[in-house]
Amino acid sequence: MQIAKSFSDPTTVKLIITATPAELESVKKHVLGHFAGQVKVPGFRAGKAPLEMLEKSIDPNALSNEFLEHAMNSLYRKAMEHEKLRPVAQPQVQIKKFVPFTELEFEVETEVIGNVKLPDYKTIKVAKPPATVTAKDVDEVLESLRTRSARREDIDRPAKLGDEVVIDFTGKNAKGQPIAGGDGKDYPRILGSEQFVLGFERELVGVQAGDKRQFDLTFPADYGVSTLRGQKTRFEVSVKKVSELAKPKLDNEFAAQAGPFKTLAELKSDIKKQLKQERQQAADRNFENDVVRAVTAKAHVDIPKVMIDEQVMALEEDEKRNLVYRGQTWQEHLAQEGITEQQHRERHRPEAEERVKAGLVLSEIAAQERIEVKPNEVAGRIHALKAQYQDPGMQAELDKPEARQDIANRLPSEKTIAKLVSYSL
């Protein structure tokens, strides 16, 4: 096989592949073997006729078509391996010369993963902030426990800070259309907790059961639901109930009711321990992400456009699934944002490119570090997940081959990130 290679850009390659007679002869024998059990040759049992006689009994066009398909597929794979190219799209193929079974030259053009130039990742250091828990943090959890345990007493007076109101509400955009995620029914809210849109609870100070309120607020830029960020919204609220909270005292008796604790000090200690564990896990995840970002930022990668396009579509599909969960259609979402579908995709392109780049960088580092995943590691992860999730349905899911394959696909990245973290510490 002879290969002539050229690049029109760093990720688009063109190969002109010329087969040798020996390669074509091997392909021909292989293809004739495919027909052996399908074509009956007089005087011979199925599959026992000599190839020369078998060939005479096969439709020439059928034989030629299968020969071409098999030859080009086989030679294309070998050419990619020989040139150490990693294709990421279906190739465009053009036959340049074909003399049945003796000569074949064809051209393929496709997108490939370009050059991946890694930085000296072993020397990249990232600061790891400590996971701290203050006395105030513990007090906030205790206050939350007291609130959940409080006795609710309906009252016939204007609501004040610290009271709980139960409301129905709807949020509408500037066009008067309901916004997804901006409504609720029988929604309890403790005035002063500021756990919804900033300013929402202040508007309810002074209400009584049966009252209705209407007011305008803007969702903050960092609001948890991305589709609502910056949305100016008119809220219409119906107050169904106002209650005063009689919170229990913070004492040993309260601690005993909250769990297997004899004293308030034991409860505080347990809260601090749990908070520390949660924050440490979050800090570890954030640190891993920071390390990967730091390494990725210093790497140079020629990324095929098709890979970024596919990631953009994956992000879009995730968003569509979330919208279905919130009861909003894709077109309603686009109208609410005031953008076209193409503009929406372009907005996601930087994130998509960053994700693809990070994946390619991690893959290259895994190759340099010779990171492999052994079968017992996959089995160990499945065993650990089964111990974590006791639900029979989840157990059955973990037994499926696709679950095993998914874990096997994710473990190399996890091991590579762990290696980078060890260098960064």
Protein backbone atom coordinates (compact mmCIF):
# COMPACT_ATOMS: atom_id res chain seq x y z
CA MET A 1 0.00 0.00 0.00
CA GLN A 2 1.27 3.43 -0.96
CA ILE A 3 -0.04 6.54 0.84
CA ALA A 4 0.17 10.18 -0.24
CA LYS A 5 -0.87 12.48 2.59
CA SER A 6 -1.73 16.18 2.63
CA PHE A 7 -3.52 18.57 4.99
CA SER A 8 -5.79 21.41 3.89
CA ASP A 9 -5.87 22.60 7.52
CA PRO A 10 -4.56 21.16 10.82
CA THR A 11 -7.56 18.83 11.21
CA THR A 12 -8.54 17.97 7.62
CA VAL A 13 -6.44 15.30 5.92
CA LYS A 14 -6.51 13.93 2.41
CA LEU A 15 -5.02 10.50 1.66
CA ILE A 16 -4.48 8.98 -1.77
CA ILE A 17 -4.20 5.23 -1.17
CA THR A 18 -2.83 2.84 -3.77
CA ALA A 19 -3.20 -0.89 -3.07
CA THR A 20 -0.61 -3.51 -3.97
CA PRO A 21 -1.57 -6.57 -6.06
CA ALA A 22 -0.89 -8.82 -3.06
CA GLU A 23 -3.31 -6.83 -0.87
CA LEU A 24 -6.01 -7.00 -3.52
CA GLU A 25 -5.52 -10.72 -3.98
CA SER A 26 -5.95 -11.23 -0.23
CA VAL A 27 -9.13 -9.16 -0.25
CA LYS A 28 -10.49 -11.09 -3.23
CA LYS A 29 -10.01 -14.45 -1.49
CA HIS A 30 -11.66 -13.08 1.63
CA VAL A 31 -14.68 -11.79 -0.30
CA LEU A 32 -15.05 -15.01 -2.28
CA GLY A 33 -15.16 -16.77 1.08
CA HIS A 34 -18.21 -14.68 1.96
CA PHE A 35 -20.01 -15.98 -1.14
CA ALA A 36 -18.96 -19.62 -0.62
CA GLY A 37 -21.93 -20.50 1.55
CA GLN A 38 -24.41 -18.48 -0.53
CA VAL A 39 -23.69 -19.60 -4.11
CA LYS A 40 -24.35 -23.15 -5.30
CA VAL A 41 -21.75 -24.57 -7.69
CA PRO A 42 -22.93 -27.68 -9.57
CA GLY A 43 -21.10 -30.80 -8.45
CA PHE A 44 -19.88 -29.35 -5.16
CA ARG A 45 -21.31 -29.14 -1.67
CA ALA A 46 -21.88 -25.65 -0.29
CA GLY A 47 -18.57 -24.00 0.57
CA LYS A 48 -16.43 -26.74 -1.02
CA ALA A 49 -16.05 -25.46 -4.57
CA PRO A 50 -12.63 -24.11 -5.65
CA LEU A 51 -12.50 -20.30 -5.59
CA GLU A 52 -11.85 -20.13 -9.35
CA MET A 53 -15.06 -22.01 -10.09
CA LEU A 54 -16.97 -20.15 -7.38
CA GLU A 55 -16.02 -16.82 -8.95
CA LYS A 56 -17.58 -17.85 -12.28
CA SER A 57 -20.91 -18.53 -10.54
CA ILE A 58 -21.13 -15.13 -8.81
CA ASP A 59 -22.79 -12.08 -10.32
CA PRO A 60 -19.81 -9.90 -11.41
CA ASN A 61 -21.41 -6.68 -10.18
CA ALA A 62 -22.16 -8.14 -6.73
CA LEU A 63 -18.63 -9.47 -6.43
CA SER A 64 -17.09 -6.19 -7.59
CA ASN A 65 -19.18 -4.08 -5.23
CA GLU A 66 -18.41 -6.18 -2.18
CA PHE A 67 -14.75 -6.34 -3.16
CA LEU A 68 -14.53 -2.55 -3.41
CA GLU A 69 -16.30 -1.97 -0.11
CA HIS A 70 -14.14 -4.44 1.76
CA ALA A 71 -10.90 -3.32 0.12
CA MET A 72 -11.42 0.38 0.76
CA ASN A 73 -12.57 -0.12 4.34
CA SER A 74 -9.63 -2.36 5.14
CA LEU A 75 -7.02 -0.18 3.43
CA TYR A 76 -8.48 3.00 4.96
CA ARG A 77 -8.17 1.57 8.50
CA LYS A 78 -4.61 0.40 7.84
CA ALA A 79 -3.66 3.78 6.37
CA MET A 80 -5.00 5.63 9.41
CA GLU A 81 -3.07 3.33 11.73
CA HIS A 82 0.10 3.64 9.66
CA GLU A 83 -0.08 7.45 9.63
CA LYS A 84 -1.11 7.57 13.32
CA LEU A 85 -4.25 9.55 12.48
CA ARG A 86 -7.41 9.61 14.59
CA PRO A 87 -10.47 10.21 12.37
CA VAL A 88 -13.58 11.73 13.94
CA ALA A 89 -15.96 11.89 10.97
CA GLN A 90 -17.14 9.79 8.06
CA PRO A 91 -14.61 10.12 5.21
CA GLN A 92 -15.46 11.41 1.78
CA VAL A 93 -14.28 8.76 -0.69
CA GLN A 94 -13.51 9.05 -4.38
CA ILE A 95 -12.27 6.18 -6.51
CA LYS A 96 -9.42 7.32 -8.76
CA LYS A 97 -8.60 4.06 -10.52
CA PHE A 98 -10.07 0.57 -10.40
CA VAL A 99 -9.21 -2.46 -12.52
CA PRO A 100 -11.23 -5.30 -10.99
CA PHE A 101 -9.19 -7.23 -8.47
CA THR A 102 -5.77 -6.08 -9.74
CA GLU A 103 -5.55 -2.26 -9.37
CA LEU A 104 -7.16 0.16 -6.93
CA GLU A 105 -6.42 3.79 -6.11
CA PHE A 106 -8.81 5.95 -4.11
CA GLU A 107 -8.85 9.25 -2.27
CA VAL A 108 -10.27 9.85 1.20
CA GLU A 109 -10.74 13.17 2.96
CA THR A 110 -11.81 13.38 6.58
CA GLU A 111 -11.48 15.31 9.81
CA VAL A 112 -8.94 14.05 12.32
CA ILE A 113 -7.77 15.02 15.75
CA GLY A 114 -4.93 17.46 15.16
CA ASN A 115 -1.76 18.10 17.09
CA VAL A 116 -2.02 17.89 20.87
CA LYS A 117 0.89 19.74 22.46
CA LEU A 118 1.01 19.28 26.21
CA PRO A 119 2.63 21.67 28.67
CA ASP A 120 4.98 20.38 31.36
CA TYR A 121 1.96 19.29 33.36
CA LYS A 122 4.03 17.74 36.14
CA THR A 123 5.18 21.20 37.24
CA ILE A 124 1.80 22.97 37.16
CA LYS A 125 0.72 23.83 40.69
CA VAL A 126 -2.77 24.91 41.75
CA ALA A 127 -3.66 26.27 45.17
CA LYS A 128 -6.14 24.14 47.07
CA PRO A 129 -8.32 26.18 49.44
CA PRO A 130 -9.04 24.43 52.75
CA ALA A 131 -12.50 23.14 53.55
CA THR A 132 -13.43 25.10 56.67
CA VAL A 133 -16.46 24.96 58.95
CA THR A 134 -17.14 27.83 61.34
CA ALA A 135 -19.29 28.05 64.44
CA LYS A 136 -21.68 30.20 62.41
CA ASP A 137 -22.08 27.38 59.88
CA VAL A 138 -23.02 24.97 62.65
CA ASP A 139 -25.44 27.50 64.14
CA GLU A 140 -27.17 27.90 60.78
CA VAL A 141 -27.75 24.14 60.56
CA LEU A 142 -29.06 24.10 64.11
CA GLU A 143 -31.42 26.94 63.28
CA SER A 144 -32.64 25.05 60.23
CA LEU A 145 -33.29 21.98 62.42
CA ARG A 146 -35.21 24.14 64.88
CA THR A 147 -37.30 25.60 62.07
CA ARG A 148 -38.18 22.16 60.69
CA SER A 149 -39.12 20.98 64.18
CA ALA A 150 -41.10 24.11 65.02
CA ARG A 151 -44.77 23.98 65.90
CA ARG A 152 -46.87 25.96 63.42
CA GLU A 153 -49.68 28.06 64.89
CA ASP A 154 -52.08 29.78 62.47
CA ILE A 155 -52.43 33.46 63.30
CA ASP A 156 -54.84 36.23 62.37
CA ARG A 157 -52.43 39.13 62.14
CA PRO A 158 -50.10 40.67 59.53
CA ALA A 159 -47.07 38.51 58.79
CA LYS A 160 -43.70 39.59 60.11
CA LEU A 161 -40.13 38.37 59.69
CA GLY A 162 -39.78 34.87 61.09
CA ASP A 163 -43.37 33.88 60.28
CA GLU A 164 -44.18 31.22 57.71
CA VAL A 165 -46.56 31.96 54.86
CA VAL A 166 -48.08 29.38 52.52
CA ILE A 167 -48.69 30.85 49.08
CA ASP A 168 -49.64 30.18 45.47
CA PHE A 169 -47.69 32.31 42.99
CA THR A 170 -47.06 32.74 39.30
CA GLY A 171 -44.33 34.67 37.52
CA LYS A 172 -44.87 36.28 34.13
CA ASN A 173 -42.43 37.89 31.71
CA ALA A 174 -42.69 41.34 30.15
CA LYS A 175 -45.17 39.96 27.58
CA GLY A 176 -47.44 38.61 30.30
CA GLN A 177 -46.52 35.00 29.56
CA PRO A 178 -45.94 32.53 32.46
CA ILE A 179 -42.29 31.63 32.86
CA ALA A 180 -41.21 28.04 33.48
CA GLY A 181 -39.83 27.56 36.98
CA GLY A 182 -41.39 30.82 38.19
CA ASP A 183 -44.52 29.46 39.82
CA GLY A 184 -45.60 27.35 42.79
CA LYS A 185 -48.61 26.05 44.70
CA ASP A 186 -48.95 25.56 48.46
CA TYR A 187 -45.44 26.95 48.66
CA PRO A 188 -44.20 27.47 52.25
CA ARG A 189 -41.84 30.38 52.80
CA ILE A 190 -40.33 31.64 56.05
CA LEU A 191 -40.04 35.40 55.80
CA GLY A 192 -36.46 36.53 56.21
CA SER A 193 -34.83 33.32 54.96
CA GLU A 194 -34.11 34.93 51.55
CA GLN A 195 -34.07 31.55 49.81
CA PHE A 196 -35.95 32.65 46.70
CA VAL A 197 -35.53 35.74 44.52
CA LEU A 198 -34.00 38.55 46.57
CA GLY A 199 -36.77 40.89 47.64
CA PHE A 200 -39.59 38.35 47.19
CA GLU A 201 -40.12 37.75 50.91
CA ARG A 202 -39.91 41.42 51.82
CA GLU A 203 -42.91 42.02 49.58
CA LEU A 204 -44.90 39.60 51.76
CA VAL A 205 -44.23 41.26 55.10
CA GLY A 206 -47.59 42.48 56.41
CA VAL A 207 -49.81 40.07 54.44
CA GLN A 208 -52.63 38.06 56.00
CA ALA A 209 -54.41 34.89 54.91
CA GLY A 210 -56.57 35.64 51.85
CA ASP A 211 -54.47 38.61 50.68
CA LYS A 212 -53.19 38.99 47.14
CA ARG A 213 -50.01 40.81 46.14
CA GLN A 214 -48.49 41.80 42.82
CA PHE A 215 -44.93 43.08 42.38
CA ASP A 216 -42.00 43.15 39.94
CA LEU A 217 -38.58 41.62 40.58
CA THR A 218 -35.56 40.66 38.49
CA PHE A 219 -33.91 37.27 38.89
CA PRO A 220 -30.23 37.73 39.80
CA ALA A 221 -27.51 37.03 37.24
CA ASP A 222 -26.23 34.06 39.26
CA TYR A 223 -29.65 32.47 39.88
CA GLY A 224 -29.57 28.65 40.02
CA VAL A 225 -31.87 28.18 37.01
CA SER A 226 -29.90 29.57 34.06
CA THR A 227 -32.99 30.30 31.95
CA LEU A 228 -34.30 32.70 34.60
CA ARG A 229 -31.10 34.69 35.12
CA GLY A 230 -31.70 38.39 34.57
CA GLN A 231 -35.40 37.86 33.84
CA LYS A 232 -37.62 40.75 34.86
CA THR A 233 -40.70 39.10 36.29
CA ARG A 234 -44.09 40.17 37.56
CA PHE A 235 -45.22 37.96 40.45
CA GLU A 236 -48.83 37.45 41.41
CA VAL A 237 -49.16 35.95 44.90
CA SER A 238 -52.16 34.55 46.79
CA VAL A 239 -51.63 34.09 50.54
CA LYS A 240 -53.30 30.93 51.85
CA LYS A 241 -52.01 30.80 55.41
CA VAL A 242 -49.84 32.71 57.89
CA SER A 243 -48.26 30.81 60.79
CA GLU A 244 -46.13 31.73 63.76
CA LEU A 245 -43.28 29.35 64.47
CA ALA A 246 -42.79 28.09 68.02
CA LYS A 247 -39.23 26.78 67.81
CA PRO A 248 -37.90 24.30 70.37
CA LYS A 249 -35.12 25.30 72.75
CA LEU A 250 -31.55 24.39 71.87
CA ASP A 251 -30.81 21.98 74.69
CA ASN A 252 -29.96 18.35 75.35
CA GLU A 253 -33.59 17.32 74.91
CA PHE A 254 -33.63 18.86 71.43
CA ALA A 255 -30.39 17.01 70.57
CA ALA A 256 -31.92 13.69 71.67
CA GLN A 257 -34.93 14.29 69.41
CA ALA A 258 -32.67 15.18 66.47
CA GLY A 259 -30.74 11.89 66.57
CA PRO A 260 -28.72 9.47 68.70
CA PHE A 261 -27.19 12.25 70.81
CA LYS A 262 -27.17 12.66 74.58
CA THR A 263 -26.08 16.29 74.62
CA LEU A 264 -26.28 19.40 72.47
CA ALA A 265 -22.49 19.35 72.27
CA GLU A 266 -22.61 15.90 70.62
CA LEU A 267 -25.14 17.16 68.06
CA LYS A 268 -22.96 20.18 67.26
CA SER A 269 -19.93 17.95 66.87
CA ASP A 270 -21.78 15.66 64.47
CA ILE A 271 -23.04 18.61 62.42
CA LYS A 272 -19.52 19.98 62.16
CA LYS A 273 -18.21 16.58 61.10
CA GLN A 274 -20.88 16.18 58.39
CA LEU A 275 -20.35 19.72 57.10
CA LYS A 276 -16.61 19.19 56.98
CA GLN A 277 -17.04 15.97 55.00
CA GLU A 278 -19.45 17.58 52.51
CA ARG A 279 -17.26 20.63 52.04
CA GLN A 280 -14.14 18.54 51.68
CA GLN A 281 -15.77 16.50 48.91
CA ALA A 282 -16.87 19.70 47.16
CA ALA A 283 -13.41 21.23 47.62
CA ASP A 284 -11.78 18.10 46.17
CA ARG A 285 -14.04 18.20 43.11
CA ASN A 286 -13.40 21.90 42.60
CA PHE A 287 -9.66 21.36 42.99
CA GLU A 288 -9.69 18.57 40.39
CA ASN A 289 -11.56 20.85 37.97
CA ASP A 290 -9.11 23.68 38.65
CA VAL A 291 -6.13 21.41 37.95
CA VAL A 292 -7.62 20.17 34.67
CA ARG A 293 -8.45 23.75 33.63
CA ALA A 294 -4.92 24.91 34.45
CA VAL A 295 -3.32 22.14 32.40
CA THR A 296 -5.81 22.52 29.53
CA ALA A 297 -5.26 26.29 29.37
CA LYS A 298 -1.53 25.77 28.75
CA ALA A 299 -2.00 23.03 26.16
CA HIS A 300 -2.34 23.56 22.41
CA VAL A 301 -4.87 21.36 20.62
CA ASP A 302 -6.02 21.43 17.01
CA ILE A 303 -9.66 20.44 17.47
CA PRO A 304 -11.80 19.22 14.57
CA LYS A 305 -14.91 21.35 14.13
CA VAL A 306 -17.12 18.25 14.03
CA MET A 307 -16.16 17.36 17.62
CA ILE A 308 -17.13 20.82 18.87
CA ASP A 309 -20.39 20.68 16.89
CA GLU A 310 -21.25 17.33 18.48
CA GLN A 311 -20.54 18.68 21.96
CA VAL A 312 -22.70 21.75 21.28
CA MET A 313 -25.56 19.43 20.34
CA ALA A 314 -24.99 17.31 23.46
CA LEU A 315 -25.23 20.41 25.65
CA GLU A 316 -28.38 21.43 23.80
CA GLU A 317 -29.97 18.01 24.35
CA ASP A 318 -29.22 18.23 28.08
CA GLU A 319 -30.90 21.61 28.21
CA LYS A 320 -33.93 20.34 26.31
CA ARG A 321 -34.36 17.49 28.80
CA ASN A 322 -34.25 19.97 31.68
CA LEU A 323 -36.86 22.13 29.96
CA VAL A 324 -39.19 19.15 29.57
CA TYR A 325 -38.81 18.51 33.29
CA ARG A 326 -39.83 22.11 33.97
CA GLY A 327 -42.74 21.99 31.51
CA GLN A 328 -41.33 24.38 28.91
CA THR A 329 -40.92 23.75 25.19
CA TRP A 330 -37.73 24.48 23.28
CA GLN A 331 -39.41 27.19 21.21
CA GLU A 332 -40.82 28.83 24.35
CA HIS A 333 -37.34 28.87 25.82
CA LEU A 334 -35.83 30.48 22.71
CA ALA A 335 -38.62 33.08 22.63
CA GLN A 336 -38.09 33.83 26.31
CA GLU A 337 -34.38 34.38 25.72
CA GLY A 338 -35.06 36.39 22.57
CA ILE A 339 -32.55 34.47 20.43
CA THR A 340 -32.57 32.09 17.47
CA GLU A 341 -31.62 28.43 17.69
CA GLN A 342 -28.32 29.15 15.92
CA GLN A 343 -27.50 32.02 18.30
CA HIS A 344 -28.23 29.70 21.21
CA ARG A 345 -25.80 27.13 19.83
CA GLU A 346 -23.09 29.70 19.27
CA ARG A 347 -23.46 30.81 22.88
CA HIS A 348 -22.61 27.26 23.98
CA ARG A 349 -19.64 26.92 21.61
CA PRO A 350 -16.91 28.22 24.00
CA GLU A 351 -18.01 25.78 26.70
CA ALA A 352 -18.20 22.95 24.17
CA GLU A 353 -14.72 23.71 22.87
CA GLU A 354 -13.32 23.79 26.40
CA ARG A 355 -14.85 20.41 27.20
CA VAL A 356 -13.56 18.79 24.03
CA LYS A 357 -10.10 20.26 24.55
CA ALA A 358 -9.98 19.01 28.14
CA GLY A 359 -10.99 15.53 27.01
CA LEU A 360 -8.28 15.39 24.35
CA VAL A 361 -5.66 16.70 26.77
CA LEU A 362 -6.59 14.09 29.36
CA SER A 363 -6.50 11.37 26.70
CA GLU A 364 -3.01 12.44 25.61
CA ILE A 365 -1.75 12.53 29.20
CA ALA A 366 -3.25 9.08 29.82
CA ALA A 367 -1.28 7.77 26.85
CA GLN A 368 1.97 9.37 28.07
CA GLU A 369 1.43 8.07 31.59
CA ARG A 370 0.45 4.64 30.22
CA ILE A 371 -2.71 4.66 32.26
CA GLU A 372 -4.79 1.53 31.83
CA VAL A 373 -7.96 0.20 33.39
CA LYS A 374 -7.94 -3.43 34.47
CA PRO A 375 -11.07 -5.60 34.61
CA ASN A 376 -10.82 -5.92 38.38
CA GLU A 377 -10.95 -2.11 38.69
CA VAL A 378 -14.23 -2.00 36.77
CA ALA A 379 -15.60 -4.85 38.89
CA GLY A 380 -14.50 -3.05 42.04
CA ARG A 381 -16.27 0.15 41.04
CA ILE A 382 -19.48 -1.75 40.26
CA HIS A 383 -19.26 -3.51 43.62
CA ALA A 384 -18.83 -0.16 45.39
CA LEU A 385 -21.80 1.35 43.55
CA LYS A 386 -23.98 -1.63 44.42
CA ALA A 387 -23.09 -1.17 48.07
CA GLN A 388 -24.04 2.51 47.78
CA TYR A 389 -27.33 2.00 45.94
CA GLN A 390 -29.49 -0.72 47.47
CA ASP A 391 -32.48 -0.10 45.19
CA PRO A 392 -33.18 -3.32 43.18
CA GLY A 393 -33.75 -1.30 40.02
CA MET A 394 -30.36 0.39 40.32
CA GLN A 395 -28.71 -2.94 41.10
CA ALA A 396 -30.18 -4.36 37.88
CA GLU A 397 -28.97 -1.35 35.89
CA LEU A 398 -25.44 -1.84 37.20
CA ASP A 399 -25.49 -5.45 35.99
CA LYS A 400 -26.09 -4.40 32.40
CA PRO A 401 -23.14 -4.56 29.94
CA GLU A 402 -23.64 -0.91 28.97
CA ALA A 403 -23.20 0.15 32.61
CA ARG A 404 -19.94 -1.78 32.79
CA GLN A 405 -18.78 -0.19 29.54
CA ASP A 406 -19.72 3.30 30.77
CA ILE A 407 -17.64 2.78 33.92
CA ALA A 408 -14.75 1.40 31.87
CA ASN A 409 -14.91 4.52 29.66
CA ARG A 410 -14.89 6.94 32.62
CA LEU A 411 -12.18 5.32 34.73
CA PRO A 412 -9.22 6.35 32.49
CA SER A 413 -10.15 10.04 32.87
CA GLU A 414 -10.61 9.63 36.62
CA LYS A 415 -7.22 7.95 36.96
CA THR A 416 -5.58 10.60 34.78
CA ILE A 417 -7.09 13.42 36.85
CA ALA A 418 -5.90 11.70 40.03
CA LYS A 419 -2.38 11.59 38.55
CA LEU A 420 -2.50 15.31 37.69
CA VAL A 421 -3.73 16.11 41.21
CA SER A 422 -0.80 14.18 42.69
CA TYR A 423 1.62 16.29 40.63
CA SER A 424 -0.12 19.55 41.59
CA LEU A 425 -0.08 19.01 45.34
